[in-house]
Amino acid sequence: MLNSKRRGIVLVISSPSGAGKTTICKKLIKEIKGVALSISATTRKKRKNEIHGKDYFFKNNEEFLEMIENNEFIETANVFGYYYGTLKQEVLSKIEEGIDVIVDIDWQGTRQIEKHLGQDVVKIFILPPSINELESRLGNRASENKETFVKRMSEARKEISHYDEYDFIVVNDEIELAFNNVKSILYSERLRGFRQIESKLNLD
């Protein structure tokens, strides 16, 4: 029997808004043992019911910039005037314990993370079945005006244009099937030989 200790995976999952990424990430964490979501740092204000250290690590601008200076992030972004960043130690401490870490970021953040973590990273892109379906999904849940909807679709198209930079492409036509495909990718990646830190074959 083979007893092995495995290094964790950094599972980067990207998609345009409305493609089902958030639902899939939540199901992975709920249904698969040894999977955790990366907790990011941000300078935006804490919303009602959000908990520091659980939803985000809330920082002011001065603290965040000092953390950048100290090389504490593996990726950062400025979104609508607020900083967001994935903490290096937050991710490394988990994968060294054999925990798989889900990082929910866009294509730009994915490029940054891959530069830092190399083969620890597995990149999955979630696509809608069609642009028309994505428009329908975003339109059904939109509460804003037409101008904002057009902006959202423009951002979605820009995100989709980078899907070929990813290791795996999953089309979310039906959420359960898409989830099972992502789950299969994770299970397969866990078995890769180079992720096995200590392997011992017991022949007795």
N, C-alpha and C. Protein backbone atom coordinates (compact mmCIF):
# COMPACT_ATOMS: atom_id res chain seq x y z
N MET A 1 0.85 -1.19 0.00
CA MET A 1 0.00 0.00 0.00
C MET A 1 0.88 1.24 0.00
N LEU A 2 0.48 2.27 -0.77
CA LEU A 2 1.26 3.50 -0.87
C LEU A 2 0.70 4.54 0.09
N ASN A 3 1.54 4.94 1.04
CA ASN A 3 1.17 6.03 1.94
C ASN A 3 1.88 7.29 1.46
N SER A 4 1.15 8.36 1.29
CA SER A 4 1.79 9.56 0.76
C SER A 4 1.27 10.82 1.43
N LYS A 5 2.15 11.81 1.48
CA LYS A 5 1.79 13.14 1.95
C LYS A 5 1.85 14.06 0.75
N ARG A 6 0.77 14.78 0.50
CA ARG A 6 0.64 15.56 -0.72
C ARG A 6 0.75 17.05 -0.46
N ARG A 7 1.39 17.76 -1.40
CA ARG A 7 1.39 19.21 -1.35
C ARG A 7 0.08 19.71 -1.94
N GLY A 8 -0.48 20.75 -1.34
CA GLY A 8 -1.74 21.29 -1.81
C GLY A 8 -1.64 21.99 -3.16
N ILE A 9 -2.78 22.24 -3.75
CA ILE A 9 -2.90 22.87 -5.06
C ILE A 9 -3.46 24.27 -4.89
N VAL A 10 -2.98 25.21 -5.69
CA VAL A 10 -3.60 26.52 -5.79
C VAL A 10 -4.52 26.47 -7.02
N LEU A 11 -5.80 26.35 -6.75
CA LEU A 11 -6.80 26.20 -7.82
C LEU A 11 -7.34 27.58 -8.19
N VAL A 12 -6.81 28.13 -9.27
CA VAL A 12 -7.26 29.44 -9.74
C VAL A 12 -8.47 29.26 -10.64
N ILE A 13 -9.58 29.90 -10.28
CA ILE A 13 -10.81 29.78 -11.06
C ILE A 13 -11.23 31.17 -11.52
N SER A 14 -11.33 31.34 -12.82
CA SER A 14 -11.72 32.63 -13.40
C SER A 14 -12.92 32.44 -14.31
N SER A 15 -13.65 33.53 -14.50
CA SER A 15 -14.79 33.50 -15.43
C SER A 15 -15.32 34.92 -15.55
N PRO A 16 -16.10 35.18 -16.58
CA PRO A 16 -16.83 36.45 -16.61
C PRO A 16 -17.94 36.41 -15.57
N SER A 17 -18.38 37.56 -15.13
CA SER A 17 -19.50 37.64 -14.21
C SER A 17 -20.72 36.98 -14.84
N GLY A 18 -21.39 36.12 -14.06
CA GLY A 18 -22.60 35.46 -14.57
C GLY A 18 -22.38 34.06 -15.11
N ALA A 19 -21.13 33.59 -15.10
CA ALA A 19 -20.85 32.26 -15.66
C ALA A 19 -20.98 31.14 -14.63
N GLY A 20 -21.18 31.49 -13.36
CA GLY A 20 -21.41 30.47 -12.33
C GLY A 20 -20.21 30.13 -11.46
N LYS A 21 -19.16 30.93 -11.54
CA LYS A 21 -17.93 30.66 -10.79
C LYS A 21 -18.16 30.62 -9.27
N THR A 22 -18.90 31.58 -8.75
CA THR A 22 -19.11 31.67 -7.30
C THR A 22 -19.84 30.44 -6.78
N THR A 23 -20.86 29.99 -7.50
CA THR A 23 -21.61 28.80 -7.09
C THR A 23 -20.71 27.57 -7.07
N ILE A 24 -19.89 27.42 -8.10
CA ILE A 24 -18.98 26.27 -8.18
C ILE A 24 -17.95 26.30 -7.05
N CYS A 25 -17.39 27.46 -6.76
CA CYS A 25 -16.41 27.58 -5.67
C CYS A 25 -17.02 27.20 -4.33
N LYS A 26 -18.24 27.68 -4.08
CA LYS A 26 -18.92 27.36 -2.82
C LYS A 26 -19.18 25.87 -2.68
N LYS A 27 -19.58 25.23 -3.79
CA LYS A 27 -19.85 23.79 -3.76
C LYS A 27 -18.56 22.99 -3.51
N LEU A 28 -17.47 23.43 -4.09
CA LEU A 28 -16.18 22.75 -3.88
C LEU A 28 -15.81 22.76 -2.40
N ILE A 29 -15.94 23.92 -1.77
CA ILE A 29 -15.57 24.06 -0.36
C ILE A 29 -16.51 23.25 0.53
N LYS A 30 -17.79 23.25 0.19
CA LYS A 30 -18.79 22.56 1.00
C LYS A 30 -18.69 21.05 0.88
N GLU A 31 -18.42 20.55 -0.33
CA GLU A 31 -18.55 19.11 -0.59
C GLU A 31 -17.24 18.33 -0.64
N ILE A 32 -16.11 19.02 -0.74
CA ILE A 32 -14.83 18.30 -0.86
C ILE A 32 -13.93 18.60 0.34
N LYS A 33 -13.49 17.55 0.97
CA LYS A 33 -12.62 17.70 2.13
C LYS A 33 -11.25 18.23 1.70
N GLY A 34 -10.69 19.12 2.53
CA GLY A 34 -9.35 19.62 2.27
C GLY A 34 -9.27 20.74 1.26
N VAL A 35 -10.39 21.45 1.09
CA VAL A 35 -10.42 22.59 0.16
C VAL A 35 -10.81 23.84 0.94
N ALA A 36 -10.08 24.93 0.71
CA ALA A 36 -10.37 26.19 1.39
C ALA A 36 -10.31 27.34 0.40
N LEU A 37 -11.02 28.42 0.71
CA LEU A 37 -10.99 29.61 -0.12
C LEU A 37 -9.94 30.57 0.39
N SER A 38 -9.13 31.09 -0.51
CA SER A 38 -8.14 32.10 -0.14
C SER A 38 -8.86 33.36 0.35
N ILE A 39 -8.41 33.88 1.48
CA ILE A 39 -8.99 35.11 2.03
C ILE A 39 -8.10 36.28 1.62
N SER A 40 -8.66 37.20 0.87
CA SER A 40 -7.90 38.33 0.35
C SER A 40 -7.88 39.49 1.34
N ALA A 41 -6.93 40.38 1.13
CA ALA A 41 -6.90 41.65 1.85
C ALA A 41 -7.50 42.72 0.95
N THR A 42 -8.16 43.71 1.54
CA THR A 42 -8.76 44.78 0.76
C THR A 42 -8.78 46.08 1.55
N THR A 43 -8.82 47.19 0.80
CA THR A 43 -8.93 48.50 1.46
C THR A 43 -10.36 49.02 1.43
N ARG A 44 -11.28 48.27 0.83
CA ARG A 44 -12.67 48.76 0.84
C ARG A 44 -13.26 48.61 2.23
N LYS A 45 -14.30 49.37 2.51
CA LYS A 45 -14.93 49.36 3.82
C LYS A 45 -15.64 48.02 4.08
N LYS A 46 -15.61 47.60 5.32
CA LYS A 46 -16.29 46.36 5.72
C LYS A 46 -17.80 46.55 5.65
N ARG A 47 -18.46 45.61 4.97
CA ARG A 47 -19.91 45.68 4.86
C ARG A 47 -20.56 45.01 6.07
N LYS A 48 -21.84 45.27 6.23
CA LYS A 48 -22.59 44.67 7.34
C LYS A 48 -22.52 43.16 7.24
N ASN A 49 -22.28 42.51 8.36
CA ASN A 49 -22.20 41.04 8.50
C ASN A 49 -20.88 40.45 8.02
N GLU A 50 -20.00 41.25 7.41
CA GLU A 50 -18.68 40.75 7.04
C GLU A 50 -17.79 40.67 8.27
N ILE A 51 -16.93 39.65 8.29
CA ILE A 51 -16.05 39.42 9.44
C ILE A 51 -14.60 39.51 9.00
N HIS A 52 -13.83 40.32 9.73
CA HIS A 52 -12.39 40.45 9.44
C HIS A 52 -11.71 39.10 9.67
N GLY A 53 -10.94 38.66 8.67
CA GLY A 53 -10.24 37.38 8.79
C GLY A 53 -11.03 36.20 8.28
N LYS A 54 -12.32 36.42 8.00
CA LYS A 54 -13.15 35.35 7.44
C LYS A 54 -13.58 35.70 6.01
N ASP A 55 -14.11 36.90 5.83
CA ASP A 55 -14.51 37.35 4.49
C ASP A 55 -13.34 38.03 3.78
N TYR A 56 -12.69 38.94 4.48
CA TYR A 56 -11.50 39.64 3.98
C TYR A 56 -10.63 40.02 5.18
N PHE A 57 -9.39 40.36 4.90
CA PHE A 57 -8.56 41.07 5.86
C PHE A 57 -8.66 42.54 5.47
N PHE A 58 -9.32 43.33 6.31
CA PHE A 58 -9.58 44.73 5.98
C PHE A 58 -8.41 45.61 6.42
N LYS A 59 -7.86 46.36 5.45
CA LYS A 59 -6.69 47.20 5.69
C LYS A 59 -6.97 48.61 5.18
N ASN A 60 -6.24 49.59 5.77
CA ASN A 60 -6.30 50.92 5.19
C ASN A 60 -5.24 51.04 4.09
N ASN A 61 -5.27 52.14 3.34
CA ASN A 61 -4.34 52.30 2.22
C ASN A 61 -2.89 52.22 2.65
N GLU A 62 -2.57 52.86 3.75
CA GLU A 62 -1.18 52.87 4.23
C GLU A 62 -0.70 51.47 4.57
N GLU A 63 -1.54 50.69 5.25
CA GLU A 63 -1.19 49.31 5.60
C GLU A 63 -1.00 48.46 4.35
N PHE A 64 -1.91 48.62 3.39
CA PHE A 64 -1.86 47.80 2.17
C PHE A 64 -0.59 48.11 1.37
N LEU A 65 -0.29 49.38 1.20
CA LEU A 65 0.91 49.76 0.44
C LEU A 65 2.19 49.30 1.13
N GLU A 66 2.18 49.30 2.45
CA GLU A 66 3.34 48.79 3.20
C GLU A 66 3.49 47.28 2.97
N MET A 67 2.36 46.57 2.90
CA MET A 67 2.39 45.13 2.63
C MET A 67 2.92 44.84 1.23
N ILE A 68 2.56 45.69 0.26
CA ILE A 68 3.12 45.54 -1.10
C ILE A 68 4.63 45.73 -1.05
N GLU A 69 5.07 46.76 -0.32
CA GLU A 69 6.50 47.06 -0.19
C GLU A 69 7.25 45.89 0.44
N ASN A 70 6.58 45.19 1.36
CA ASN A 70 7.19 44.06 2.06
C ASN A 70 7.03 42.74 1.30
N ASN A 71 6.50 42.81 0.08
CA ASN A 71 6.36 41.63 -0.78
C ASN A 71 5.48 40.55 -0.14
N GLU A 72 4.35 40.98 0.45
CA GLU A 72 3.46 40.06 1.15
C GLU A 72 2.35 39.50 0.26
N PHE A 73 2.28 39.96 -0.98
CA PHE A 73 1.21 39.51 -1.88
C PHE A 73 1.76 38.71 -3.05
N ILE A 74 0.94 37.79 -3.56
CA ILE A 74 1.29 37.11 -4.81
C ILE A 74 0.50 37.68 -5.99
N GLU A 75 -0.47 38.54 -5.69
CA GLU A 75 -1.14 39.31 -6.74
C GLU A 75 -1.91 40.44 -6.08
N THR A 76 -2.01 41.56 -6.78
CA THR A 76 -2.80 42.70 -6.31
C THR A 76 -3.55 43.31 -7.48
N ALA A 77 -4.62 44.03 -7.16
CA ALA A 77 -5.39 44.73 -8.19
C ALA A 77 -6.04 45.95 -7.55
N ASN A 78 -6.29 46.96 -8.37
CA ASN A 78 -7.04 48.12 -7.93
C ASN A 78 -8.37 48.11 -8.67
N VAL A 79 -9.45 47.94 -7.93
CA VAL A 79 -10.79 47.82 -8.51
C VAL A 79 -11.66 48.95 -7.98
N PHE A 80 -12.08 49.84 -8.87
CA PHE A 80 -12.92 50.98 -8.50
C PHE A 80 -12.33 51.77 -7.34
N GLY A 81 -11.00 51.93 -7.36
CA GLY A 81 -10.35 52.77 -6.36
C GLY A 81 -9.96 52.06 -5.07
N TYR A 82 -10.27 50.77 -4.95
CA TYR A 82 -9.90 50.00 -3.76
C TYR A 82 -8.88 48.92 -4.13
N TYR A 83 -7.94 48.68 -3.23
CA TYR A 83 -6.94 47.64 -3.45
C TYR A 83 -7.46 46.29 -2.97
N TYR A 84 -7.11 45.24 -3.73
CA TYR A 84 -7.37 43.86 -3.34
C TYR A 84 -6.07 43.09 -3.54
N GLY A 85 -5.81 42.11 -2.68
CA GLY A 85 -4.59 41.33 -2.85
C GLY A 85 -4.69 39.95 -2.23
N THR A 86 -4.01 38.99 -2.86
CA THR A 86 -3.93 37.62 -2.34
C THR A 86 -2.64 37.49 -1.54
N LEU A 87 -2.77 37.14 -0.28
CA LEU A 87 -1.64 37.09 0.65
C LEU A 87 -0.78 35.84 0.43
N LYS A 88 0.50 36.06 0.28
CA LYS A 88 1.44 34.96 0.03
C LYS A 88 1.40 33.93 1.16
N GLN A 89 1.50 34.40 2.40
CA GLN A 89 1.55 33.47 3.53
C GLN A 89 0.23 32.73 3.72
N GLU A 90 -0.87 33.42 3.44
CA GLU A 90 -2.21 32.81 3.54
C GLU A 90 -2.32 31.59 2.63
N VAL A 91 -1.74 31.68 1.44
CA VAL A 91 -1.80 30.58 0.47
C VAL A 91 -0.74 29.52 0.78
N LEU A 92 0.51 29.95 0.97
CA LEU A 92 1.60 28.99 1.16
C LEU A 92 1.42 28.14 2.41
N SER A 93 0.94 28.73 3.49
CA SER A 93 0.77 27.96 4.73
C SER A 93 -0.23 26.82 4.55
N LYS A 94 -1.25 27.04 3.71
CA LYS A 94 -2.27 26.01 3.48
C LYS A 94 -1.74 24.90 2.56
N ILE A 95 -1.12 25.28 1.44
CA ILE A 95 -0.68 24.23 0.51
C ILE A 95 0.44 23.39 1.10
N GLU A 96 1.23 23.98 2.00
CA GLU A 96 2.29 23.20 2.66
C GLU A 96 1.71 22.17 3.63
N GLU A 97 0.45 22.40 4.06
CA GLU A 97 -0.25 21.44 4.93
C GLU A 97 -1.07 20.44 4.12
N GLY A 98 -1.01 20.55 2.78
CA GLY A 98 -1.78 19.64 1.94
C GLY A 98 -3.20 20.09 1.66
N ILE A 99 -3.51 21.35 1.98
CA ILE A 99 -4.84 21.89 1.73
C ILE A 99 -4.85 22.56 0.35
N ASP A 100 -5.90 22.29 -0.43
CA ASP A 100 -6.06 22.92 -1.73
C ASP A 100 -6.74 24.27 -1.54
N VAL A 101 -6.17 25.30 -2.16
CA VAL A 101 -6.67 26.67 -1.97
C VAL A 101 -7.30 27.18 -3.26
N ILE A 102 -8.57 27.59 -3.17
CA ILE A 102 -9.25 28.19 -4.32
C ILE A 102 -8.99 29.68 -4.32
N VAL A 103 -8.52 30.19 -5.44
CA VAL A 103 -8.31 31.63 -5.62
C VAL A 103 -9.22 32.10 -6.75
N ASP A 104 -10.14 32.98 -6.40
CA ASP A 104 -11.14 33.49 -7.33
C ASP A 104 -10.68 34.86 -7.83
N ILE A 105 -10.02 34.88 -9.01
CA ILE A 105 -9.47 36.13 -9.54
C ILE A 105 -9.63 36.18 -11.07
N ASP A 106 -9.30 37.35 -11.64
CA ASP A 106 -9.39 37.50 -13.09
C ASP A 106 -8.09 37.08 -13.76
N TRP A 107 -8.05 37.24 -15.09
CA TRP A 107 -6.89 36.78 -15.87
C TRP A 107 -5.61 37.53 -15.51
N GLN A 108 -5.73 38.80 -15.12
CA GLN A 108 -4.53 39.57 -14.77
C GLN A 108 -3.92 39.05 -13.48
N GLY A 109 -4.77 38.78 -12.49
CA GLY A 109 -4.29 38.22 -11.23
C GLY A 109 -3.72 36.83 -11.42
N THR A 110 -4.33 36.07 -12.33
CA THR A 110 -3.85 34.71 -12.62
C THR A 110 -2.41 34.74 -13.14
N ARG A 111 -2.13 35.67 -14.03
CA ARG A 111 -0.76 35.81 -14.54
C ARG A 111 0.23 36.10 -13.42
N GLN A 112 -0.16 36.96 -12.49
CA GLN A 112 0.72 37.31 -11.38
C GLN A 112 1.00 36.11 -10.48
N ILE A 113 -0.06 35.37 -10.15
CA ILE A 113 0.07 34.23 -9.26
C ILE A 113 0.94 33.15 -9.88
N GLU A 114 0.75 32.92 -11.17
CA GLU A 114 1.54 31.87 -11.83
C GLU A 114 3.03 32.20 -11.80
N LYS A 115 3.37 33.46 -11.90
CA LYS A 115 4.78 33.87 -11.83
C LYS A 115 5.38 33.54 -10.46
N HIS A 116 4.59 33.67 -9.41
CA HIS A 116 5.06 33.42 -8.05
C HIS A 116 5.08 31.94 -7.69
N LEU A 117 4.05 31.19 -8.13
CA LEU A 117 3.86 29.83 -7.61
C LEU A 117 4.05 28.71 -8.62
N GLY A 118 4.19 29.04 -9.90
CA GLY A 118 4.55 28.04 -10.91
C GLY A 118 3.66 26.81 -10.92
N GLN A 119 4.28 25.63 -10.72
CA GLN A 119 3.55 24.37 -10.88
C GLN A 119 2.57 24.07 -9.74
N ASP A 120 2.57 24.88 -8.69
CA ASP A 120 1.54 24.73 -7.65
C ASP A 120 0.17 25.17 -8.15
N VAL A 121 0.15 25.91 -9.26
CA VAL A 121 -1.08 26.52 -9.76
C VAL A 121 -1.74 25.64 -10.82
N VAL A 122 -3.06 25.46 -10.69
CA VAL A 122 -3.90 24.83 -11.72
C VAL A 122 -4.96 25.86 -12.09
N LYS A 123 -5.02 26.19 -13.38
CA LYS A 123 -5.89 27.28 -13.84
C LYS A 123 -7.12 26.74 -14.57
N ILE A 124 -8.29 27.13 -14.08
CA ILE A 124 -9.55 26.70 -14.69
C ILE A 124 -10.35 27.94 -15.09
N PHE A 125 -10.86 27.93 -16.32
CA PHE A 125 -11.71 29.03 -16.77
C PHE A 125 -13.12 28.49 -16.99
N ILE A 126 -14.11 29.18 -16.38
CA ILE A 126 -15.51 28.80 -16.52
C ILE A 126 -16.14 29.67 -17.60
N LEU A 127 -16.65 29.03 -18.65
CA LEU A 127 -17.30 29.74 -19.75
C LEU A 127 -18.81 29.54 -19.73
N PRO A 128 -19.56 30.55 -20.12
CA PRO A 128 -21.00 30.33 -20.36
C PRO A 128 -21.17 29.56 -21.66
N PRO A 129 -22.32 28.94 -21.89
CA PRO A 129 -22.52 28.20 -23.13
C PRO A 129 -22.52 29.09 -24.37
N SER A 130 -22.86 30.37 -24.19
CA SER A 130 -22.86 31.31 -25.32
C SER A 130 -22.91 32.74 -24.77
N ILE A 131 -22.56 33.69 -25.62
CA ILE A 131 -22.66 35.10 -25.23
C ILE A 131 -24.13 35.48 -24.99
N ASN A 132 -25.02 34.95 -25.82
CA ASN A 132 -26.45 35.24 -25.64
C ASN A 132 -26.96 34.77 -24.27
N GLU A 133 -26.50 33.58 -23.86
CA GLU A 133 -26.91 33.06 -22.56
C GLU A 133 -26.35 33.92 -21.43
N LEU A 134 -25.10 34.38 -21.60
CA LEU A 134 -24.49 35.25 -20.59
C LEU A 134 -25.27 36.56 -20.48
N GLU A 135 -25.63 37.12 -21.61
CA GLU A 135 -26.43 38.36 -21.61
C GLU A 135 -27.74 38.15 -20.87
N SER A 136 -28.35 37.00 -21.11
CA SER A 136 -29.62 36.67 -20.45
C SER A 136 -29.44 36.56 -18.94
N ARG A 137 -28.37 35.87 -18.52
CA ARG A 137 -28.12 35.69 -17.08
C ARG A 137 -27.86 37.03 -16.40
N LEU A 138 -27.01 37.85 -17.02
CA LEU A 138 -26.69 39.14 -16.43
C LEU A 138 -27.90 40.07 -16.45
N GLY A 139 -28.68 39.99 -17.52
CA GLY A 139 -29.87 40.82 -17.63
C GLY A 139 -30.91 40.46 -16.59
N ASN A 140 -31.06 39.17 -16.31
CA ASN A 140 -32.06 38.71 -15.35
C ASN A 140 -31.73 39.12 -13.92
N ARG A 141 -30.41 39.22 -13.61
CA ARG A 141 -30.06 39.55 -12.23
C ARG A 141 -29.66 41.01 -12.07
N ALA A 142 -29.66 41.76 -13.15
CA ALA A 142 -29.23 43.15 -13.09
C ALA A 142 -30.30 44.04 -12.47
N SER A 143 -29.86 44.94 -11.62
CA SER A 143 -30.78 45.91 -11.02
C SER A 143 -30.38 47.33 -11.43
N GLU A 144 -29.35 47.41 -12.29
CA GLU A 144 -28.84 48.72 -12.67
C GLU A 144 -29.39 49.14 -14.04
N ASN A 145 -28.94 50.29 -14.50
CA ASN A 145 -29.42 50.81 -15.77
C ASN A 145 -28.71 50.16 -16.96
N LYS A 146 -29.17 50.51 -18.16
CA LYS A 146 -28.65 49.89 -19.38
C LYS A 146 -27.17 50.18 -19.56
N GLU A 147 -26.75 51.39 -19.22
CA GLU A 147 -25.34 51.77 -19.37
C GLU A 147 -24.42 50.86 -18.56
N THR A 148 -24.83 50.57 -17.33
CA THR A 148 -24.04 49.69 -16.46
C THR A 148 -24.04 48.26 -17.00
N PHE A 149 -25.17 47.81 -17.53
CA PHE A 149 -25.26 46.47 -18.11
C PHE A 149 -24.32 46.34 -19.31
N VAL A 150 -24.29 47.35 -20.16
CA VAL A 150 -23.40 47.34 -21.32
C VAL A 150 -21.94 47.28 -20.86
N LYS A 151 -21.62 48.00 -19.80
CA LYS A 151 -20.26 47.99 -19.25
C LYS A 151 -19.90 46.60 -18.73
N ARG A 152 -20.85 45.97 -18.04
CA ARG A 152 -20.63 44.61 -17.51
C ARG A 152 -20.36 43.62 -18.66
N MET A 153 -21.11 43.75 -19.73
CA MET A 153 -20.93 42.84 -20.87
C MET A 153 -19.58 43.09 -21.54
N SER A 154 -19.17 44.34 -21.60
CA SER A 154 -17.86 44.67 -22.19
C SER A 154 -16.74 44.04 -21.37
N GLU A 155 -16.86 44.13 -20.03
CA GLU A 155 -15.86 43.52 -19.15
C GLU A 155 -15.87 42.00 -19.29
N ALA A 156 -17.06 41.43 -19.45
CA ALA A 156 -17.18 39.97 -19.60
C ALA A 156 -16.49 39.51 -20.88
N ARG A 157 -16.70 40.23 -21.96
CA ARG A 157 -16.06 39.86 -23.23
C ARG A 157 -14.55 39.96 -23.13
N LYS A 158 -14.06 40.96 -22.42
CA LYS A 158 -12.62 41.14 -22.24
C LYS A 158 -12.05 39.95 -21.44
N GLU A 159 -12.76 39.55 -20.39
CA GLU A 159 -12.32 38.42 -19.57
C GLU A 159 -12.30 37.13 -20.42
N ILE A 160 -13.36 36.91 -21.17
CA ILE A 160 -13.47 35.69 -21.99
C ILE A 160 -12.34 35.61 -23.02
N SER A 161 -11.87 36.74 -23.50
CA SER A 161 -10.84 36.74 -24.53
C SER A 161 -9.53 36.11 -24.06
N HIS A 162 -9.40 35.89 -22.74
CA HIS A 162 -8.16 35.31 -22.20
C HIS A 162 -8.33 33.84 -21.77
N TYR A 163 -9.44 33.22 -22.13
CA TYR A 163 -9.70 31.85 -21.68
C TYR A 163 -8.62 30.87 -22.12
N ASP A 164 -7.98 31.13 -23.27
CA ASP A 164 -6.99 30.18 -23.79
C ASP A 164 -5.66 30.22 -23.04
N GLU A 165 -5.55 31.06 -22.01
CA GLU A 165 -4.35 31.09 -21.18
C GLU A 165 -4.44 30.07 -20.03
N TYR A 166 -5.57 29.38 -19.94
CA TYR A 166 -5.84 28.50 -18.80
C TYR A 166 -5.57 27.04 -19.14
N ASP A 167 -5.34 26.24 -18.10
CA ASP A 167 -5.07 24.81 -18.28
C ASP A 167 -6.32 24.03 -18.69
N PHE A 168 -7.46 24.42 -18.11
CA PHE A 168 -8.71 23.71 -18.35
C PHE A 168 -9.83 24.71 -18.63
N ILE A 169 -10.73 24.32 -19.55
CA ILE A 169 -11.90 25.13 -19.88
C ILE A 169 -13.14 24.31 -19.54
N VAL A 170 -14.01 24.87 -18.72
CA VAL A 170 -15.26 24.19 -18.35
C VAL A 170 -16.43 25.06 -18.77
N VAL A 171 -17.29 24.52 -19.62
CA VAL A 171 -18.49 25.26 -20.06
C VAL A 171 -19.63 24.96 -19.09
N ASN A 172 -20.18 26.02 -18.52
CA ASN A 172 -21.26 25.85 -17.56
C ASN A 172 -22.61 26.02 -18.24
N ASP A 173 -23.07 24.92 -18.83
CA ASP A 173 -24.41 24.89 -19.40
C ASP A 173 -25.41 24.40 -18.35
N GLU A 174 -24.92 23.51 -17.50
CA GLU A 174 -25.72 22.97 -16.39
C GLU A 174 -24.80 22.90 -15.18
N ILE A 175 -25.18 23.55 -14.09
CA ILE A 175 -24.27 23.82 -12.98
C ILE A 175 -23.71 22.53 -12.35
N GLU A 176 -24.54 21.50 -12.21
CA GLU A 176 -24.07 20.26 -11.57
C GLU A 176 -23.02 19.57 -12.43
N LEU A 177 -23.22 19.56 -13.74
CA LEU A 177 -22.24 18.96 -14.65
C LEU A 177 -20.94 19.76 -14.63
N ALA A 178 -21.04 21.07 -14.65
CA ALA A 178 -19.84 21.92 -14.62
C ALA A 178 -19.08 21.70 -13.30
N PHE A 179 -19.80 21.61 -12.20
CA PHE A 179 -19.17 21.35 -10.91
C PHE A 179 -18.45 20.01 -10.91
N ASN A 180 -19.09 18.99 -11.45
CA ASN A 180 -18.46 17.66 -11.50
C ASN A 180 -17.21 17.66 -12.36
N ASN A 181 -17.21 18.45 -13.42
CA ASN A 181 -16.02 18.55 -14.26
C ASN A 181 -14.86 19.21 -13.50
N VAL A 182 -15.17 20.26 -12.77
CA VAL A 182 -14.13 20.93 -11.96
C VAL A 182 -13.63 19.99 -10.87
N LYS A 183 -14.55 19.26 -10.25
CA LYS A 183 -14.18 18.30 -9.21
C LYS A 183 -13.25 17.22 -9.77
N SER A 184 -13.54 16.74 -10.98
CA SER A 184 -12.69 15.72 -11.62
C SER A 184 -11.29 16.26 -11.88
N ILE A 185 -11.21 17.52 -12.29
CA ILE A 185 -9.89 18.15 -12.52
C ILE A 185 -9.11 18.18 -11.21
N LEU A 186 -9.76 18.60 -10.14
CA LEU A 186 -9.09 18.68 -8.84
C LEU A 186 -8.59 17.31 -8.39
N TYR A 187 -9.45 16.29 -8.47
CA TYR A 187 -9.05 14.94 -8.05
C TYR A 187 -7.87 14.42 -8.87
N SER A 188 -7.89 14.69 -10.17
CA SER A 188 -6.79 14.24 -11.03
C SER A 188 -5.48 14.95 -10.69
N GLU A 189 -5.57 16.26 -10.48
CA GLU A 189 -4.37 17.04 -10.17
C GLU A 189 -3.76 16.63 -8.83
N ARG A 190 -4.59 16.20 -7.90
CA ARG A 190 -4.08 15.73 -6.61
C ARG A 190 -3.17 14.52 -6.75
N LEU A 191 -3.35 13.75 -7.82
CA LEU A 191 -2.59 12.51 -8.00
C LEU A 191 -1.30 12.69 -8.77
N ARG A 192 -1.01 13.88 -9.25
CA ARG A 192 0.23 14.08 -10.00
C ARG A 192 1.45 13.75 -9.13
N GLY A 193 2.40 13.05 -9.74
CA GLY A 193 3.56 12.57 -8.99
C GLY A 193 4.34 13.65 -8.29
N PHE A 194 4.54 14.81 -8.93
CA PHE A 194 5.38 15.83 -8.32
C PHE A 194 4.74 16.49 -7.11
N ARG A 195 3.42 16.27 -6.91
CA ARG A 195 2.76 16.83 -5.73
C ARG A 195 2.94 15.94 -4.49
N GLN A 196 3.42 14.72 -4.69
CA GLN A 196 3.60 13.79 -3.58
C GLN A 196 4.92 14.12 -2.87
N ILE A 197 4.82 14.70 -1.69
CA ILE A 197 6.01 15.14 -0.95
C ILE A 197 6.76 13.93 -0.40
N GLU A 198 6.01 13.04 0.23
CA GLU A 198 6.62 11.83 0.79
C GLU A 198 5.76 10.64 0.38
N SER A 199 6.34 9.72 -0.34
CA SER A 199 5.61 8.51 -0.74
C SER A 199 6.41 7.28 -0.33
N LYS A 200 5.72 6.37 0.30
CA LYS A 200 6.40 5.15 0.76
C LYS A 200 5.52 3.95 0.44
N LEU A 201 6.09 3.01 -0.30
CA LEU A 201 5.35 1.81 -0.67
C LEU A 201 5.63 0.71 0.37
N ASN A 202 4.54 0.31 1.02
CA ASN A 202 4.65 -0.76 2.03
C ASN A 202 4.42 -2.10 1.33
N LEU A 203 5.48 -2.91 1.24
CA LEU A 203 5.39 -4.19 0.54
C LEU A 203 5.17 -5.36 1.50
N ASP A 204 5.02 -5.07 2.77
CA ASP A 204 4.83 -6.15 3.75
C ASP A 204 3.42 -6.71 3.67
